[in-house]
C-alpha atoms as a PDB file:
ATOM      1  CA  MET A   1       0.026   0.044   0.129  1.00  0.00           C
ATOM      2  CA  GLU A   2       1.257   3.599  -0.796  1.00  0.00           C
ATOM      3  CA  PRO A   3       2.112   6.125   1.948  1.00  0.00           C
ATOM      4  CA  ASP A   4      -0.196   9.175   2.500  1.00  0.00           C
ATOM      5  CA  VAL A   5       0.626  12.228   1.185  1.00  0.00           C
ATOM      6  CA  ILE A   6       0.699  15.600   3.199  1.00  0.00           C
ATOM      7  CA  THR A   7       0.894  18.788   0.707  1.00  0.00           C
ATOM      8  CA  VAL A   8       2.354  21.842   1.532  1.00  0.00           C
ATOM      9  CA  GLY A   9       1.829  25.093  -0.353  1.00  0.00           C
ATOM     10  CA  LEU A  10       5.073  27.111  -0.955  1.00  0.00           C
ATOM     11  CA  ASP A  11       5.140  30.564  -2.249  1.00  0.00           C
ATOM     12  CA  GLY A  12       8.496  31.680  -0.633  1.00  0.00           C
ATOM     13  CA  SER A  13       7.390  33.587   2.364  1.00  0.00           C
ATOM     14  CA  PRO A  14       8.478  32.799   5.585  1.00  0.00           C
ATOM     15  CA  ALA A  15       4.924  31.494   6.716  1.00  0.00           C
ATOM     16  CA  SER A  16       5.163  28.838   4.118  1.00  0.00           C
ATOM     17  CA  LEU A  17       8.511  27.780   5.275  1.00  0.00           C
ATOM     18  CA  ALA A  18       6.871  27.264   9.040  1.00  0.00           C
ATOM     19  CA  ALA A  19       3.900  25.472   7.160  1.00  0.00           C
ATOM     20  CA  ALA A  20       6.652  23.168   5.398  1.00  0.00           C
ATOM     21  CA  ARG A  21       8.170  22.662   9.167  1.00  0.00           C
ATOM     22  CA  TRP A  22       4.767  21.576  10.489  1.00  0.00           C
ATOM     23  CA  ALA A  23       4.255  19.713   7.450  1.00  0.00           C
ATOM     24  CA  ALA A  24       7.298  17.736   7.761  1.00  0.00           C
ATOM     25  CA  ASP A  25       6.723  16.912  11.584  1.00  0.00           C
ATOM     26  CA  GLU A  26       3.298  15.752  10.640  1.00  0.00           C
ATOM     27  CA  ALA A  27       4.314  13.642   7.524  1.00  0.00           C
ATOM     28  CA  ASP A  28       7.160  12.345   9.991  1.00  0.00           C
ATOM     29  CA  ARG A  29       4.575  11.015  12.746  1.00  0.00           C
ATOM     30  CA  ARG A  30       2.165   9.449  10.237  1.00  0.00           C
ATOM     31  CA  GLN A  31       4.841   7.558   8.063  1.00  0.00           C
ATOM     32  CA  ALA A  32       3.768   9.850   5.218  1.00  0.00           C
ATOM     33  CA  VAL A  33       5.381  11.155   1.978  1.00  0.00           C
ATOM     34  CA  LEU A  34       5.876  15.186   2.191  1.00  0.00           C
ATOM     35  CA  ARG A  35       4.961  17.037  -0.855  1.00  0.00           C
ATOM     36  CA  LEU A  36       6.545  20.454  -1.686  1.00  0.00           C
ATOM     37  CA  LEU A  37       4.423  22.244  -4.169  1.00  0.00           C
ATOM     38  CA  HIS A  38       4.563  25.690  -6.095  1.00  0.00           C
ATOM     39  CA  ALA A  39       2.139  26.680  -8.380  1.00  0.00           C
ATOM     40  CA  TRP A  40       3.178  29.166 -10.827  1.00  0.00           C
ATOM     41  CA  ILE A  41       0.925  30.033 -13.816  1.00  0.00           C
ATOM     42  CA  LEU A  42       4.131  31.065 -15.918  1.00  0.00           C
ATOM     43  CA  LEU A  43       6.034  27.889 -15.321  1.00  0.00           C
ATOM     44  CA  ALA A  44       7.916  27.497 -18.294  1.00  0.00           C
ATOM     45  CA  ALA A  45       8.239  24.149 -20.273  1.00  0.00           C
ATOM     46  CA  GLU A  46      11.881  23.355 -20.245  1.00  0.00           C
ATOM     47  CA  ALA A  47      13.714  20.390 -22.426  1.00  0.00           C
ATOM     48  CA  PRO A  48      14.956  17.909 -20.153  1.00  0.00           C
ATOM     49  CA  ASP A  49      18.746  18.401 -21.385  1.00  0.00           C
ATOM     50  CA  SER A  50      18.430  22.094 -20.830  1.00  0.00           C
ATOM     51  CA  PRO A  51      21.626  23.611 -19.299  1.00  0.00           C
ATOM     52  CA  PRO A  52      21.394  24.956 -16.032  1.00  0.00           C
ATOM     53  CA  ASP A  53      22.183  28.587 -17.136  1.00  0.00           C
ATOM     54  CA  ARG A  54      19.052  28.680 -19.356  1.00  0.00           C
ATOM     55  CA  ASP A  55      16.680  27.301 -16.691  1.00  0.00           C
ATOM     56  CA  ARG A  56      13.595  30.053 -16.855  1.00  0.00           C
ATOM     57  CA  ASN A  57      12.417  27.711 -13.888  1.00  0.00           C
ATOM     58  CA  ALA A  58      15.640  28.223 -11.521  1.00  0.00           C
ATOM     59  CA  GLY A  59      13.535  30.734  -9.097  1.00  0.00           C
ATOM     60  CA  ALA A  60      10.870  28.237  -8.500  1.00  0.00           C
ATOM     61  CA  ARG A  61      13.287  25.223  -8.004  1.00  0.00           C
ATOM     62  CA  GLN A  62      15.292  27.097  -5.416  1.00  0.00           C
ATOM     63  CA  LEU A  63      12.471  28.008  -3.685  1.00  0.00           C
ATOM     64  CA  VAL A  64      11.226  24.784  -3.238  1.00  0.00           C
ATOM     65  CA  ARG A  65      14.682  23.548  -2.756  1.00  0.00           C
ATOM     66  CA  ARG A  66      15.109  25.662   0.269  1.00  0.00           C
ATOM     67  CA  ALA A  67      12.198  24.102   1.778  1.00  0.00           C
ATOM     68  CA  ARG A  68      13.540  20.848   1.150  1.00  0.00           C
ATOM     69  CA  ASP A  69      16.865  21.814   2.656  1.00  0.00           C
ATOM     70  CA  GLU A  70      15.452  23.016   5.647  1.00  0.00           C
ATOM     71  CA  VAL A  71      13.039  20.097   6.274  1.00  0.00           C
ATOM     72  CA  ARG A  72      16.094  17.757   5.631  1.00  0.00           C
ATOM     73  CA  GLU A  73      17.931  18.863   8.536  1.00  0.00           C
ATOM     74  CA  ARG A  74      15.150  17.544  10.773  1.00  0.00           C
ATOM     75  CA  HIS A  75      14.086  14.670   8.960  1.00  0.00           C
ATOM     76  CA  PRO A  76      16.864  13.066   7.060  1.00  0.00           C
ATOM     77  CA  ARG A  77      14.762   9.943   6.348  1.00  0.00           C
ATOM     78  CA  LEU A  78      11.578  11.409   5.378  1.00  0.00           C
ATOM     79  CA  GLN A  79      10.372  10.831   1.599  1.00  0.00           C
ATOM     80  CA  ILE A  80       9.933  14.170  -0.366  1.00  0.00           C
ATOM     81  CA  ILE A  81       8.080  14.961  -3.472  1.00  0.00           C
ATOM     82  CA  GLU A  82       9.318  18.588  -4.834  1.00  0.00           C
ATOM     83  CA  ASP A  83       6.293  19.509  -7.356  1.00  0.00           C
ATOM     84  CA  LEU A  84       6.385  22.549  -9.595  1.00  0.00           C
ATOM     85  CA  VAL A  85       3.231  23.147 -11.106  1.00  0.00           C
ATOM     86  CA  GLY A  86       2.346  25.418 -14.211  1.00  0.00           C
ATOM     87  CA  ALA A  87      -1.159  26.513 -12.969  1.00  0.00           C
ATOM     88  CA  GLU A  88      -2.984  29.458 -10.990  1.00  0.00           C
ATOM     89  CA  ALA A  89      -2.382  28.579  -7.059  1.00  0.00           C
ATOM     90  CA  GLU A  90      -5.726  27.936  -6.413  1.00  0.00           C
ATOM     91  CA  PRO A  91      -6.967  25.340  -8.545  1.00  0.00           C
ATOM     92  CA  ALA A  92      -3.406  23.804  -8.162  1.00  0.00           C
ATOM     93  CA  LEU A  93      -3.576  23.614  -4.277  1.00  0.00           C
ATOM     94  CA  LEU A  94      -7.316  22.360  -4.761  1.00  0.00           C
ATOM     95  CA  GLY A  95      -6.305  19.617  -6.955  1.00  0.00           C
ATOM     96  CA  ALA A  96      -3.738  18.715  -4.426  1.00  0.00           C
ATOM     97  CA  ALA A  97      -5.773  18.677  -1.687  1.00  0.00           C
ATOM     98  CA  GLY A  98      -7.886  16.220  -3.728  1.00  0.00           C
ATOM     99  CA  GLU A  99      -5.059  13.550  -3.776  1.00  0.00           C
ATOM    100  CA  SER A 100      -3.610  14.077  -0.126  1.00  0.00           C
ATOM    101  CA  GLN A 101      -4.079  13.306   3.129  1.00  0.00           C
ATOM    102  CA  MET A 102      -4.048  17.080   4.355  1.00  0.00           C
ATOM    103  CA  ILE A 103      -2.959  20.444   2.804  1.00  0.00           C
ATOM    104  CA  VAL A 104      -0.918  22.503   4.801  1.00  0.00           C
ATOM    105  CA  LEU A 105      -0.400  26.273   4.035  1.00  0.00           C
ATOM    106  CA  GLY A 106       1.273  29.252   5.629  1.00  0.00           C
ATOM    107  CA  SER A 107      -0.259  32.486   6.984  1.00  0.00           C
ATOM    108  CA  ARG A 108       1.271  35.659   8.167  1.00  0.00           C
ATOM    109  CA  ALA A 109       0.508  37.813  11.189  1.00  0.00           C
ATOM    110  CA  LEU A 110      -0.102  41.471  11.045  1.00  0.00           C
ATOM    111  CA  GLY A 111       0.377  44.046  13.741  1.00  0.00           C
ATOM    112  CA  PRO A 112      -0.182  43.712  17.464  1.00  0.00           C
ATOM    113  CA  TRP A 113      -3.404  41.582  17.031  1.00  0.00           C
ATOM    114  CA  GLU A 114      -1.382  38.365  15.641  1.00  0.00           C
ATOM    115  CA  SER A 115      -4.097  38.106  13.595  1.00  0.00           C
ATOM    116  CA  TYR A 116      -4.161  35.496  10.717  1.00  0.00           C
ATOM    117  CA  VAL A 117      -3.817  37.072   7.129  1.00  0.00           C
ATOM    118  CA  LEU A 118      -5.277  34.941   4.760  1.00  0.00           C
ATOM    119  CA  GLY A 119      -5.072  35.843   0.872  1.00  0.00           C
ATOM    120  CA  ASP A 120      -7.819  35.166  -1.690  1.00  0.00           C
ATOM    121  CA  VAL A 121      -6.133  31.665  -2.356  1.00  0.00           C
ATOM    122  CA  SER A 122      -5.902  30.483   1.124  1.00  0.00           C
ATOM    123  CA  LEU A 123      -9.178  31.469   1.851  1.00  0.00           C
ATOM    124  CA  ASN A 124     -10.635  29.969  -0.850  1.00  0.00           C
ATOM    125  CA  VAL A 125      -8.418  26.936  -0.428  1.00  0.00           C
ATOM    126  CA  VAL A 126      -9.835  26.475   2.916  1.00  0.00           C
ATOM    127  CA  GLY A 127     -13.458  26.976   1.781  1.00  0.00           C
ATOM    128  CA  ARG A 128     -13.735  24.891  -0.784  1.00  0.00           C
ATOM    129  CA  ALA A 129     -11.278  21.769   0.109  1.00  0.00           C
ATOM    130  CA  LYS A 130     -12.951  18.734   0.996  1.00  0.00           C
ATOM    131  CA  GLY A 131     -10.413  17.414   3.082  1.00  0.00           C
ATOM    132  CA  PRO A 132      -8.321  18.937   6.174  1.00  0.00           C
ATOM    133  CA  VAL A 133      -6.969  22.073   5.604  1.00  0.00           C
ATOM    134  CA  VAL A 134      -4.266  23.080   8.227  1.00  0.00           C
ATOM    135  CA  LEU A 135      -2.835  26.642   8.456  1.00  0.00           C
ATOM    136  CA  VAL A 136       0.373  27.453   9.931  1.00  0.00           C
ATOM    137  CA  ARG A 137       1.568  31.247  11.302  1.00  0.00           C
ATOM    138  CA  GLU A 138       5.291  31.768  11.501  1.00  0.00           C
ATOM    139  CA  GLY A 139       5.928  31.410  14.996  1.00  0.00           C
ATOM    140  CA  GLY A 140       3.712  28.680  15.337  1.00  0.00           C
ATOM    141  CA  ARG A 141       2.170  28.555  19.124  1.00  0.00           C
ATOM    142  CA  ALA A 142      -0.091  30.652  20.797  1.00  0.00           C
ATOM    143  CA  ALA A 143       0.997  33.019  23.790  1.00  0.00           C
ATOM    144  CA  SER A 144      -0.560  32.223  27.434  1.00  0.00           C
ATOM    145  CA  PRO A 145      -2.334  35.077  28.820  1.00  0.00           C
ATOM    146  CA  ARG A 146      -0.756  36.632  31.513  1.00  0.00           C
ATOM    147  CA  ARG A 147      -1.367  35.057  35.064  1.00  0.00           C
ATOM    148  CA  GLU A 148       1.135  35.269  37.737  1.00  0.00           C
ATOM    149  CA  GLY A 149       2.399  32.285  39.093  1.00  0.00           C
ATOM    150  CA  ALA A 150       3.736  31.861  42.819  1.00  0.00           C
ATOM    151  CA  ASP A 151       6.897  32.870  41.788  1.00  0.00           C
ATOM    152  CA  GLY A 152       5.701  36.095  39.616  1.00  0.00           C
ATOM    153  CA  LEU A 153       6.108  34.814  36.406  1.00  0.00           C
ATOM    154  CA  PRO A 154       3.290  33.541  34.548  1.00  0.00           C
ATOM    155  CA  PRO A 155       2.883  29.715  34.438  1.00  0.00           C
ATOM    156  CA  ALA A 156       3.634  27.772  30.847  1.00  0.00           C
ATOM    157  CA  PRO A 157       0.327  26.831  29.497  1.00  0.00           C
ATOM    158  CA  GLU A 158      -0.608  22.892  29.117  1.00  0.00           C
ATOM    159  CA  ALA A 159       0.692  21.703  25.465  1.00  0.00           C
ATOM    160  CA  ARG A 160      -2.951  20.186  24.291  1.00  0.00           C
ATOM    161  CA  VAL A 161      -4.945  19.830  21.076  1.00  0.00           C
ATOM    162  CA  VAL A 162      -8.314  21.906  21.118  1.00  0.00           C
ATOM    163  CA  ALA A 163     -11.172  20.751  19.410  1.00  0.00           C
ATOM    164  CA  GLY A 164     -14.000  23.272  19.153  1.00  0.00           C
ATOM    165  CA  LEU A 165     -17.612  21.353  19.098  1.00  0.00           C
ATOM    166  CA  SER A 166     -20.845  23.082  17.999  1.00  0.00           C
ATOM    167  CA  LEU A 167     -22.836  19.856  18.860  1.00  0.00           C
ATOM    168  CA  ASN A 168     -25.604  21.336  16.224  1.00  0.00           C
ATOM    169  CA  GLY A 169     -24.925  18.583  13.822  1.00  0.00           C
ATOM    170  CA  PRO A 170     -22.456  15.915  12.717  1.00  0.00           C
ATOM    171  CA  CYS A 171     -18.824  16.420  14.110  1.00  0.00           C
ATOM    172  CA  ASP A 172     -17.611  12.946  13.281  1.00  0.00           C
ATOM    173  CA  ARG A 173     -14.809  13.912  11.062  1.00  0.00           C
ATOM    174  CA  THR A 174     -13.469  16.874  13.234  1.00  0.00           C
ATOM    175  CA  LEU A 175     -13.539  14.796  16.558  1.00  0.00           C
ATOM    176  CA  ASP A 176     -11.559  11.760  14.319  1.00  0.00           C
ATOM    177  CA  PHE A 177      -9.021  14.109  13.412  1.00  0.00           C
ATOM    178  CA  ALA A 178      -8.362  15.852  16.980  1.00  0.00           C
ATOM    179  CA  PHE A 179      -8.676  12.479  18.774  1.00  0.00           C
ATOM    180  CA  ASP A 180      -5.737  11.296  16.380  1.00  0.00           C
ATOM    181  CA  ALA A 181      -3.819  14.248  16.620  1.00  0.00           C
ATOM    182  CA  ALA A 182      -3.488  14.154  20.248  1.00  0.00           C
ATOM    183  CA  ALA A 183      -2.798  10.255  20.290  1.00  0.00           C
ATOM    184  CA  ARG A 184      -0.007  10.684  17.786  1.00  0.00           C
ATOM    185  CA  ARG A 185       1.295  13.648  19.982  1.00  0.00           C
ATOM    186  CA  GLY A 186       0.621  12.222  23.191  1.00  0.00           C
ATOM    187  CA  LEU A 187      -1.147  14.973  24.146  1.00  0.00           C
ATOM    188  CA  SER A 188      -4.397  15.348  26.072  1.00  0.00           C
ATOM    189  CA  LEU A 189      -7.463  16.899  24.371  1.00  0.00           C
ATOM    190  CA  GLN A 190      -9.777  19.646  25.273  1.00  0.00           C
ATOM    191  CA  ALA A 191     -13.140  19.625  23.952  1.00  0.00           C
ATOM    192  CA  VAL A 192     -14.724  23.365  23.822  1.00  0.00           C
ATOM    193  CA  HIS A 193     -18.203  23.996  23.319  1.00  0.00           C
ATOM    194  CA  GLY A 194     -19.693  27.238  23.557  1.00  0.00           C
ATOM    195  CA  ARG A 195     -23.692  27.878  24.532  1.00  0.00           C
ATOM    196  CA  PRO A 196     -25.034  31.524  25.096  1.00  0.00           C
ATOM    197  CA  LEU A 197     -27.506  31.074  28.018  1.00  0.00           C
ATOM    198  CA  PRO A 198     -31.054  31.769  26.690  1.00  0.00           C
ATOM    199  CA  VAL A 199     -33.251  34.528  27.604  1.00  0.00           C
ATOM    200  CA  HIS A 200     -35.202  32.708  30.364  1.00  0.00           C
ATOM    201  CA  ALA A 201     -31.879  32.510  31.942  1.00  0.00           C
ATOM    202  CA  TYR A 202     -32.066  35.989  33.212  1.00  0.00           C
ATOM    203  CA  THR A 203     -34.201  37.681  35.639  1.00  0.00           C
ATOM    204  CA  PRO A 204     -34.946  41.458  36.210  1.00  0.00           C
ATOM    205  CA  TRP A 205     -32.289  41.286  39.120  1.00  0.00           C
ATOM    206  CA  GLY A 206     -29.583  39.775  37.133  1.00  0.00           C
ATOM    207  CA  LEU A 207     -28.908  36.018  36.132  1.00  0.00           C
ATOM    208  CA  ASP A 208     -30.776  33.348  37.832  1.00  0.00           C
ATOM    209  CA  PRO A 209     -27.925  30.713  38.827  1.00  0.00           C
ATOM    210  CA  ASP A 210     -29.928  28.032  38.980  1.00  0.00           C
ATOM    211  CA  ALA A 211     -30.912  28.253  35.509  1.00  0.00           C
ATOM    212  CA  ALA A 212     -27.429  28.688  34.222  1.00  0.00           C
ATOM    213  CA  THR A 213     -26.002  25.636  36.227  1.00  0.00           C
ATOM    214  CA  GLU A 214     -28.715  23.421  35.016  1.00  0.00           C
ATOM    215  CA  LEU A 215     -28.006  24.599  31.331  1.00  0.00           C
ATOM    216  CA  ALA A 216     -24.521  23.941  31.626  1.00  0.00           C
ATOM    217  CA  LYS A 217     -25.125  20.634  32.666  1.00  0.00           C
ATOM    218  CA  GLU A 218     -27.410  19.524  30.092  1.00  0.00           C
ATOM    219  CA  ALA A 219     -24.746  21.051  27.409  1.00  0.00           C
ATOM    220  CA  ASP A 220     -22.065  19.267  29.320  1.00  0.00           C
ATOM    221  CA  VAL A 221     -23.993  15.878  29.056  1.00  0.00           C
ATOM    222  CA  GLU A 222     -24.580  16.714  25.449  1.00  0.00           C
ATOM    223  CA  LEU A 223     -21.112  16.871  25.097  1.00  0.00           C
ATOM    224  CA  GLN A 224     -19.970  13.793  27.074  1.00  0.00           C
ATOM    225  CA  ASP A 225     -22.017  11.740  24.842  1.00  0.00           C
ATOM    226  CA  ALA A 226     -20.853  13.323  21.735  1.00  0.00           C
ATOM    227  CA  LEU A 227     -16.898  12.531  22.716  1.00  0.00           C
ATOM    228  CA  SER A 228     -18.077   8.804  24.093  1.00  0.00           C
ATOM    229  CA  PRO A 229     -17.491   6.833  21.342  1.00  0.00           C
ATOM    230  CA  TRP A 230     -13.907   8.620  20.651  1.00  0.00           C
ATOM    231  CA  CYS A 231     -12.882   8.278  24.396  1.00  0.00           C
ATOM    232  CA  GLU A 232     -13.596   4.104  23.821  1.00  0.00           C
ATOM    233  CA  ARG A 233     -11.539   4.220  20.362  1.00  0.00           C
ATOM    234  CA  PHE A 234      -8.522   6.544  21.927  1.00  0.00           C
ATOM    235  CA  PRO A 235      -8.462   5.299  25.564  1.00  0.00           C
ATOM    236  CA  GLU A 236      -4.680   6.734  25.673  1.00  0.00           C
ATOM    237  CA  VAL A 237      -6.153  10.468  25.188  1.00  0.00           C
ATOM    238  CA  LEU A 238      -6.987  12.335  28.369  1.00  0.00           C
ATOM    239  CA  VAL A 239      -9.882  14.664  27.604  1.00  0.00           C
ATOM    240  CA  GLN A 240     -10.788  17.607  29.238  1.00  0.00           C
ATOM    241  CA  ARG A 241     -14.227  18.847  28.341  1.00  0.00           C
ATOM    242  CA  THR A 242     -15.051  22.872  28.777  1.00  0.00           C
ATOM    243  CA  VAL A 243     -18.394  24.214  28.446  1.00  0.00           C
ATOM    244  CA  LEU A 244     -18.929  28.139  28.633  1.00  0.00           C
ATOM    245  CA  PRO A 245     -22.100  30.154  28.795  1.00  0.00           C
ATOM    246  CA  GLU A 246     -20.553  32.408  25.506  1.00  0.00           C
ATOM    247  CA  SER A 247     -20.931  32.236  21.789  1.00  0.00           C
ATOM    248  CA  PRO A 248     -19.239  29.392  20.217  1.00  0.00           C
ATOM    249  CA  SER A 249     -16.598  31.722  18.824  1.00  0.00           C
ATOM    250  CA  ARG A 250     -15.807  33.773  22.064  1.00  0.00           C
ATOM    251  CA  ALA A 251     -15.638  30.163  24.054  1.00  0.00           C
ATOM    252  CA  LEU A 252     -13.011  28.850  21.708  1.00  0.00           C
ATOM    253  CA  VAL A 253     -11.031  31.965  21.300  1.00  0.00           C
ATOM    254  CA  GLN A 254     -10.947  31.939  25.307  1.00  0.00           C
ATOM    255  CA  SER A 255      -9.800  28.518  25.898  1.00  0.00           C
ATOM    256  CA  VAL A 256      -7.199  27.831  23.077  1.00  0.00           C
ATOM    257  CA  PHE A 257      -4.014  29.659  24.627  1.00  0.00           C
ATOM    258  CA  GLY A 258      -1.228  27.297  24.895  1.00  0.00           C
ATOM    259  CA  ALA A 259      -2.543  24.756  22.810  1.00  0.00           C
ATOM    260  CA  GLU A 260      -0.285  22.696  20.020  1.00  0.00           C
ATOM    261  CA  LEU A 261      -3.241  22.608  17.342  1.00  0.00           C
ATOM    262  CA  LEU A 262      -6.593  23.583  17.000  1.00  0.00           C
ATOM    263  CA  VAL A 263      -9.212  21.757  15.186  1.00  0.00           C
ATOM    264  CA  VAL A 264     -12.469  23.029  13.945  1.00  0.00           C
ATOM    265  CA  GLY A 265     -15.202  21.963  11.479  1.00  0.00           C
ATOM    266  CA  ARG A 266     -16.957  23.845   8.703  1.00  0.00           C
ATOM    267  CA  ARG A 267     -19.995  22.751   6.940  1.00  0.00           C
ATOM    268  CA  LEU A 268     -18.886  21.295   3.195  1.00  0.00           C
ATOM    269  CA  HIS A 269     -22.357  22.489   1.895  1.00  0.00           C
ATOM    270  CA  ARG A 270     -23.700  25.874   2.808  1.00  0.00           C
ATOM    271  CA  PRO A 271     -26.594  27.882   1.101  1.00  0.00           C
ATOM    272  CA  PRO A 272     -25.362  29.862  -1.880  1.00  0.00           C
ATOM    273  CA  LEU A 273     -25.450  32.935  -0.183  1.00  0.00           C
ATOM    274  CA  ALA A 274     -23.791  31.775   3.014  1.00  0.00           C
ATOM    275  CA  PRO A 275     -19.976  32.344   3.436  1.00  0.00           C
ATOM    276  CA  ARG A 276     -17.999  29.261   2.752  1.00  0.00           C
ATOM    277  CA  LEU A 277     -16.293  29.730   6.342  1.00  0.00           C
ATOM    278  CA  GLY A 278     -18.873  29.661   9.550  1.00  0.00           C
ATOM    279  CA  PRO A 279     -18.284  31.818  12.456  1.00  0.00           C
ATOM    280  CA  VAL A 280     -16.251  29.872  14.314  1.00  0.00           C
ATOM    281  CA  ALA A 281     -13.753  28.864  11.786  1.00  0.00           C
ATOM    282  CA  HIS A 282     -13.922  32.514  10.775  1.00  0.00           C
ATOM    283  CA  ALA A 283     -12.797  33.625  14.164  1.00  0.00           C
ATOM    284  CA  ALA A 284     -10.308  31.062  14.912  1.00  0.00           C
ATOM    285  CA  LEU A 285      -8.490  32.146  11.599  1.00  0.00           C
ATOM    286  CA  HIS A 286      -8.533  35.626  12.815  1.00  0.00           C
ATOM    287  CA  HIS A 287      -7.798  35.575  16.276  1.00  0.00           C
ATOM    288  CA  VAL A 288      -5.999  32.097  17.026  1.00  0.00           C
ATOM    289  CA  THR A 289      -2.042  31.814  16.947  1.00  0.00           C
ATOM    290  CA  CYS A 290      -1.559  27.849  16.739  1.00  0.00           C
ATOM    291  CA  PRO A 291      -1.642  25.976  14.203  1.00  0.00           C
ATOM    292  CA  ILE A 292      -5.151  25.410  13.108  1.00  0.00           C
ATOM    293  CA  ALA A 293      -6.803  22.354  11.394  1.00  0.00           C
ATOM    294  CA  VAL A 294     -10.105  23.071   9.412  1.00  0.00           C
ATOM    295  CA  ILE A 295     -12.155  20.084   8.667  1.00  0.00           C
ATOM    296  CA  ALA A 296     -15.000  19.961   6.570  1.00  0.00           C
ATOM    297  CA  HIS A 297     -18.033  17.818   7.212  1.00  0.00           C
ATOM    298  CA  GLU A 298     -21.730  17.417   5.616  1.00  0.00           C
END
């Protein structure tokens, strides 16, 4: 049986090199082949015996080889495919996504907010690919909120995989990816569910604590039921359930500090006029700085 392929899209930016490093680590974990892909519409057709000084694709080849040399230092035995594609980046990446176990793209941070900045190509790939798409920002891991420890320094956040779950529909693919990722890394999994309190939980004098507690318990039971089959399949993964009385987007952003990986879902088939990314995935892409895996589901 042929090994799986993990494809990373390269454009020569530091963010795409960070994506290549992440993809190489993941390919090594999965014993997969790493495909380094650079798409350029002006890629020239070259004869096999063309001399190097007449190679009109020399810049493109150098871009891919730079990434290859960097990941080789960490993974000398990793099988690597160098792929130059003479096409627009978006169709080339979407085509590669259909042939790969996952596709990995880089994203740069802009300004003090450390938000993901996605071009039209990356955003369209995330919104249209049927398989997992992982976005990696240069720097790679979220910073911890400033909470003072006993020694006056902020305690180091726990490394873990975080999965954002809506419970409003199927989340099997999201859970399968998240549990598998946690198991391969030897990390715990934090399942996060946000559910705003309904109007009847509020009274003229404020929040009804009994109603809020009861609703939180109901949500936790639903979350536990959703996780149960995967807890049985992955008994080695320690699972933490987090239910917050917030919108799903706010709950996720508040809970992801220090995570190694965030896993979120998006609907594969959305109404024609709806955005391709739901509010949770959209918020994650703009406010979370650790690598994000976006998983399409029915």
